[in-house]
């Protein structure tokens, strides 16, 4: 009986772990860098409007006639914002320039 339960439980756990991995969002380095650059281009001092501003920039770049429209990923945007909040005060000070911010935050997102 014990052997039968192990034969059933082990594959069940393996399938559950595979399902969790499959459903977890996977973002490319290109997407991470793009969202970091967008974050650096909007007014990120106001925490209440960061997401909406990022969404406007990302989805606002879509043409009405585009076949493939870029959709906004709130989870990736929130990941970028969380990473920004984890930066030290000195790093945030260095990131005042949008180009430096984009480089710093993009590198931090790849870690």
N, C-alpha and C. Protein backbone atom coordinates (compact mmCIF):
# COMPACT_ATOMS: atom_id res chain seq x y z
N UNK A 1 0.83 -1.19 0.00
CA UNK A 1 0.00 0.00 0.00
C UNK A 1 0.87 1.26 0.00
N UNK A 2 1.93 1.22 0.80
CA UNK A 2 2.83 2.39 0.87
C UNK A 2 3.50 2.63 -0.48
N UNK A 3 3.89 1.57 -1.15
CA UNK A 3 4.54 1.67 -2.45
C UNK A 3 3.59 2.27 -3.49
N UNK A 4 2.34 1.90 -3.42
CA UNK A 4 1.34 2.43 -4.35
C UNK A 4 1.14 3.93 -4.14
N UNK A 5 1.11 4.35 -2.91
CA UNK A 5 0.90 5.77 -2.65
C UNK A 5 2.09 6.60 -3.11
N UNK A 6 3.32 6.09 -2.97
CA UNK A 6 4.49 6.82 -3.47
C UNK A 6 4.49 6.90 -4.98
N UNK A 7 4.06 5.86 -5.64
CA UNK A 7 3.97 5.88 -7.10
C UNK A 7 2.95 6.90 -7.59
N UNK A 8 1.99 7.20 -6.78
CA UNK A 8 0.96 8.17 -7.13
C UNK A 8 1.37 9.58 -6.72
N UNK A 9 1.95 9.73 -5.55
CA UNK A 9 2.26 11.05 -4.99
C UNK A 9 3.43 11.72 -5.73
N UNK A 10 4.47 11.00 -6.00
CA UNK A 10 5.66 11.59 -6.64
C UNK A 10 5.33 12.18 -8.01
N UNK A 11 4.66 11.46 -8.91
CA UNK A 11 4.29 12.10 -10.19
C UNK A 11 3.32 13.26 -10.02
N UNK A 12 2.43 13.16 -9.05
CA UNK A 12 1.49 14.24 -8.80
C UNK A 12 2.22 15.51 -8.37
N UNK A 13 3.19 15.38 -7.49
CA UNK A 13 3.98 16.53 -7.05
C UNK A 13 4.78 17.09 -8.22
N UNK A 14 5.36 16.22 -9.03
CA UNK A 14 6.14 16.67 -10.19
C UNK A 14 5.26 17.44 -11.17
N UNK A 15 4.07 16.96 -11.41
CA UNK A 15 3.16 17.66 -12.32
C UNK A 15 2.74 19.01 -11.73
N UNK A 16 2.50 19.05 -10.42
CA UNK A 16 2.12 20.31 -9.78
C UNK A 16 3.25 21.33 -9.88
N UNK A 17 4.49 20.91 -9.65
CA UNK A 17 5.62 21.82 -9.77
C UNK A 17 5.80 22.31 -11.20
N UNK A 18 5.63 21.44 -12.16
CA UNK A 18 5.73 21.83 -13.56
C UNK A 18 4.63 22.83 -13.93
N UNK A 19 3.45 22.62 -13.42
CA UNK A 19 2.33 23.54 -13.67
C UNK A 19 2.60 24.91 -13.07
N UNK A 20 3.13 24.95 -11.86
CA UNK A 20 3.47 26.23 -11.23
C UNK A 20 4.52 26.96 -12.06
N UNK A 21 5.55 26.23 -12.50
CA UNK A 21 6.59 26.85 -13.32
C UNK A 21 6.00 27.37 -14.64
N UNK A 22 5.13 26.60 -15.26
CA UNK A 22 4.55 26.97 -16.55
C UNK A 22 3.67 28.22 -16.43
N UNK A 23 2.92 28.33 -15.35
CA UNK A 23 1.99 29.44 -15.19
C UNK A 23 2.67 30.71 -14.67
N UNK A 24 3.86 30.59 -14.14
CA UNK A 24 4.59 31.75 -13.65
C UNK A 24 5.02 32.59 -14.84
N UNK A 25 4.83 33.91 -14.76
CA UNK A 25 5.18 34.74 -15.91
C UNK A 25 6.69 34.73 -16.18
N UNK A 26 7.03 34.64 -17.44
CA UNK A 26 8.43 34.67 -17.88
C UNK A 26 8.58 35.87 -18.81
N UNK A 27 9.48 36.78 -18.45
CA UNK A 27 9.68 37.99 -19.24
C UNK A 27 11.06 37.95 -19.86
N UNK A 28 11.15 38.39 -21.09
CA UNK A 28 12.44 38.45 -21.75
C UNK A 28 13.23 39.65 -21.23
N UNK A 29 14.54 39.61 -21.45
CA UNK A 29 15.39 40.74 -21.05
C UNK A 29 15.00 42.00 -21.81
N UNK A 30 14.53 41.82 -23.04
CA UNK A 30 14.09 42.95 -23.85
C UNK A 30 12.87 43.63 -23.22
N UNK A 31 11.91 42.82 -22.77
CA UNK A 31 10.72 43.38 -22.12
C UNK A 31 11.09 44.09 -20.82
N UNK A 32 11.98 43.48 -20.05
CA UNK A 32 12.41 44.09 -18.79
C UNK A 32 13.08 45.44 -19.05
N UNK A 33 13.95 45.48 -20.06
CA UNK A 33 14.66 46.72 -20.39
C UNK A 33 13.68 47.79 -20.89
N UNK A 34 12.69 47.38 -21.68
CA UNK A 34 11.71 48.34 -22.19
C UNK A 34 10.88 48.93 -21.05
N UNK A 35 10.43 48.10 -20.14
CA UNK A 35 9.63 48.59 -19.02
C UNK A 35 10.48 49.46 -18.09
N UNK A 36 11.75 49.12 -17.93
CA UNK A 36 12.64 49.96 -17.11
C UNK A 36 12.81 51.33 -17.77
N UNK A 37 12.98 51.36 -19.09
CA UNK A 37 13.13 52.63 -19.80
C UNK A 37 11.85 53.46 -19.72
N UNK A 38 10.72 52.80 -19.84
CA UNK A 38 9.44 53.52 -19.73
C UNK A 38 9.29 54.08 -18.32
N UNK A 39 9.62 53.30 -17.32
CA UNK A 39 9.53 53.77 -15.95
C UNK A 39 10.40 55.01 -15.75
N UNK A 40 11.59 54.99 -16.32
CA UNK A 40 12.50 56.13 -16.16
C UNK A 40 12.04 57.36 -16.92
N UNK A 41 11.20 57.17 -17.92
CA UNK A 41 10.74 58.32 -18.71
C UNK A 41 9.50 58.98 -18.13
N UNK A 42 8.78 58.28 -17.26
CA UNK A 42 7.58 58.87 -16.64
C UNK A 42 7.97 59.50 -15.30
N UNK A 43 7.05 60.24 -14.73
CA UNK A 43 7.28 60.87 -13.43
C UNK A 43 7.13 59.80 -12.36
N UNK A 44 8.27 59.22 -11.93
CA UNK A 44 8.18 58.15 -10.96
C UNK A 44 8.24 58.65 -9.52
N UNK A 45 8.21 59.95 -9.33
CA UNK A 45 8.17 60.49 -7.97
C UNK A 45 6.78 60.31 -7.35
N UNK A 46 5.74 60.33 -8.18
CA UNK A 46 4.37 60.17 -7.70
C UNK A 46 3.98 58.70 -7.78
N UNK A 47 3.97 58.04 -6.64
CA UNK A 47 3.72 56.60 -6.59
C UNK A 47 2.31 56.23 -7.04
N UNK A 48 1.36 57.14 -6.90
CA UNK A 48 -0.03 56.81 -7.22
C UNK A 48 -0.31 56.76 -8.72
N UNK A 49 0.53 57.39 -9.52
CA UNK A 49 0.26 57.44 -10.96
C UNK A 49 1.28 56.68 -11.81
N UNK A 50 2.22 56.01 -11.18
CA UNK A 50 3.27 55.31 -11.94
C UNK A 50 2.69 54.30 -12.93
N UNK A 51 1.83 53.42 -12.44
CA UNK A 51 1.29 52.37 -13.30
C UNK A 51 0.47 52.95 -14.45
N UNK A 52 -0.38 53.91 -14.16
CA UNK A 52 -1.23 54.46 -15.22
C UNK A 52 -0.38 55.21 -16.25
N UNK A 53 0.65 55.91 -15.81
CA UNK A 53 1.53 56.60 -16.76
C UNK A 53 2.28 55.60 -17.63
N UNK A 54 2.77 54.52 -17.01
CA UNK A 54 3.47 53.49 -17.79
C UNK A 54 2.52 52.85 -18.80
N UNK A 55 1.30 52.59 -18.39
CA UNK A 55 0.33 51.99 -19.30
C UNK A 55 0.03 52.92 -20.47
N UNK A 56 -0.10 54.20 -20.20
CA UNK A 56 -0.37 55.16 -21.27
C UNK A 56 0.77 55.20 -22.27
N UNK A 57 2.01 55.15 -21.78
CA UNK A 57 3.16 55.20 -22.69
C UNK A 57 3.24 53.93 -23.52
N UNK A 58 3.08 52.78 -22.88
CA UNK A 58 3.23 51.50 -23.59
C UNK A 58 2.10 51.27 -24.57
N UNK A 59 0.87 51.46 -24.14
CA UNK A 59 -0.25 51.22 -25.04
C UNK A 59 -0.53 52.41 -25.94
N UNK A 60 -0.07 53.58 -25.56
CA UNK A 60 -0.27 54.76 -26.38
C UNK A 60 0.58 54.76 -27.64
N UNK A 61 1.61 53.93 -27.67
CA UNK A 61 2.45 53.82 -28.85
C UNK A 61 1.86 52.94 -29.94
N UNK A 62 0.72 52.35 -29.68
CA UNK A 62 0.07 51.49 -30.68
C UNK A 62 -0.65 52.34 -31.73
N UNK A 63 -0.46 51.99 -32.96
CA UNK A 63 -1.20 52.64 -34.03
C UNK A 63 -2.57 51.98 -34.14
N UNK A 64 -3.54 52.72 -34.60
CA UNK A 64 -4.88 52.16 -34.76
C UNK A 64 -4.91 51.03 -35.78
N UNK A 65 -4.02 51.09 -36.75
CA UNK A 65 -4.01 50.09 -37.81
C UNK A 65 -3.01 48.97 -37.57
N UNK A 66 -2.35 48.96 -36.42
CA UNK A 66 -1.34 47.94 -36.14
C UNK A 66 -1.98 46.55 -36.04
N UNK A 67 -1.32 45.57 -36.62
CA UNK A 67 -1.81 44.20 -36.54
C UNK A 67 -1.47 43.58 -35.18
N UNK A 68 -0.31 43.93 -34.66
CA UNK A 68 0.11 43.41 -33.36
C UNK A 68 0.25 44.57 -32.39
N UNK A 69 -0.73 44.72 -31.53
CA UNK A 69 -0.71 45.83 -30.58
C UNK A 69 -0.02 45.38 -29.29
N UNK A 70 0.81 46.25 -28.77
CA UNK A 70 1.50 45.97 -27.53
C UNK A 70 0.54 46.13 -26.37
N UNK A 71 0.45 45.11 -25.55
CA UNK A 71 -0.42 45.18 -24.39
C UNK A 71 0.43 45.43 -23.14
N UNK A 72 -0.16 46.10 -22.20
CA UNK A 72 0.51 46.46 -20.96
C UNK A 72 0.48 45.28 -20.01
N UNK A 73 1.61 45.00 -19.38
CA UNK A 73 1.71 43.93 -18.39
C UNK A 73 1.85 44.54 -17.00
N UNK A 74 0.76 44.59 -16.25
CA UNK A 74 0.84 45.19 -14.91
C UNK A 74 1.82 44.46 -14.00
N UNK A 75 1.93 43.14 -14.15
CA UNK A 75 2.85 42.40 -13.27
C UNK A 75 4.30 42.77 -13.54
N UNK A 76 4.67 42.96 -14.81
CA UNK A 76 6.04 43.37 -15.12
C UNK A 76 6.28 44.80 -14.68
N UNK A 77 5.29 45.66 -14.85
CA UNK A 77 5.43 47.04 -14.40
C UNK A 77 5.61 47.10 -12.88
N UNK A 78 4.84 46.29 -12.16
CA UNK A 78 4.98 46.26 -10.70
C UNK A 78 6.33 45.69 -10.28
N UNK A 79 6.86 44.74 -11.05
CA UNK A 79 8.19 44.20 -10.75
C UNK A 79 9.26 45.27 -10.92
N UNK A 80 9.13 46.10 -11.96
CA UNK A 80 10.07 47.20 -12.18
C UNK A 80 9.97 48.21 -11.03
N UNK A 81 8.76 48.52 -10.62
CA UNK A 81 8.56 49.47 -9.53
C UNK A 81 9.14 48.92 -8.22
N UNK A 82 8.91 47.62 -7.96
CA UNK A 82 9.49 47.01 -6.76
C UNK A 82 11.00 47.07 -6.79
N UNK A 83 11.58 46.82 -7.97
CA UNK A 83 13.04 46.86 -8.09
C UNK A 83 13.55 48.28 -7.87
N UNK A 84 12.83 49.28 -8.36
CA UNK A 84 13.20 50.68 -8.14
C UNK A 84 13.20 51.00 -6.65
N UNK A 85 12.19 50.52 -5.96
CA UNK A 85 12.08 50.80 -4.53
C UNK A 85 13.16 50.10 -3.73
N UNK A 86 13.76 49.05 -4.28
CA UNK A 86 14.84 48.34 -3.59
C UNK A 86 16.20 49.02 -3.78
N UNK A 87 16.28 49.94 -4.74
CA UNK A 87 17.55 50.63 -4.96
C UNK A 87 17.87 51.52 -3.77
N UNK A 88 19.16 51.70 -3.53
CA UNK A 88 19.58 52.56 -2.44
C UNK A 88 19.36 54.02 -2.82
N UNK A 89 19.42 54.88 -1.83
CA UNK A 89 19.26 56.31 -2.08
C UNK A 89 20.34 56.84 -3.01
N UNK A 90 21.54 56.33 -2.87
CA UNK A 90 22.65 56.75 -3.73
C UNK A 90 22.40 56.33 -5.18
N UNK A 91 21.90 55.12 -5.37
CA UNK A 91 21.60 54.65 -6.72
C UNK A 91 20.47 55.47 -7.34
N UNK A 92 19.47 55.79 -6.55
CA UNK A 92 18.37 56.61 -7.06
C UNK A 92 18.86 58.01 -7.42
N UNK A 93 19.81 58.51 -6.67
CA UNK A 93 20.38 59.83 -6.96
C UNK A 93 21.14 59.80 -8.29
N UNK A 94 21.89 58.72 -8.52
CA UNK A 94 22.62 58.56 -9.79
C UNK A 94 21.66 58.41 -10.95
N UNK A 95 20.46 57.91 -10.69
CA UNK A 95 19.49 57.62 -11.75
C UNK A 95 18.58 58.81 -12.04
N UNK A 96 18.99 60.00 -11.69
CA UNK A 96 18.16 61.18 -11.99
C UNK A 96 18.06 61.43 -13.49
N UNK A 97 19.13 61.14 -14.21
CA UNK A 97 19.14 61.26 -15.66
C UNK A 97 18.43 60.04 -16.24
N UNK A 98 17.46 60.23 -17.16
CA UNK A 98 16.73 59.08 -17.70
C UNK A 98 17.62 58.00 -18.34
N UNK A 99 18.69 58.39 -19.01
CA UNK A 99 19.58 57.39 -19.63
C UNK A 99 20.29 56.57 -18.56
N UNK A 100 20.78 57.25 -17.52
CA UNK A 100 21.45 56.54 -16.43
C UNK A 100 20.44 55.68 -15.67
N UNK A 101 19.25 56.18 -15.49
CA UNK A 101 18.19 55.43 -14.81
C UNK A 101 17.86 54.16 -15.58
N UNK A 102 17.71 54.30 -16.88
CA UNK A 102 17.38 53.15 -17.71
C UNK A 102 18.48 52.09 -17.66
N UNK A 103 19.73 52.51 -17.71
CA UNK A 103 20.84 51.58 -17.67
C UNK A 103 20.91 50.89 -16.30
N UNK A 104 20.77 51.67 -15.24
CA UNK A 104 20.86 51.13 -13.89
C UNK A 104 19.71 50.18 -13.58
N UNK A 105 18.51 50.61 -13.88
CA UNK A 105 17.34 49.79 -13.58
C UNK A 105 17.25 48.57 -14.50
N UNK A 106 17.64 48.75 -15.76
CA UNK A 106 17.67 47.61 -16.68
C UNK A 106 18.64 46.54 -16.23
N UNK A 107 19.82 46.96 -15.76
CA UNK A 107 20.81 46.00 -15.24
C UNK A 107 20.29 45.33 -13.97
N UNK A 108 19.62 46.09 -13.13
CA UNK A 108 19.08 45.52 -11.89
C UNK A 108 17.98 44.53 -12.18
N UNK A 109 17.22 44.73 -13.22
CA UNK A 109 16.13 43.80 -13.57
C UNK A 109 16.67 42.49 -14.14
N UNK A 110 17.84 42.50 -14.72
CA UNK A 110 18.42 41.28 -15.28
C UNK A 110 19.02 40.39 -14.22
N UNK A 111 19.23 40.91 -13.02
CA UNK A 111 19.82 40.09 -11.94
C UNK A 111 18.85 39.08 -11.45
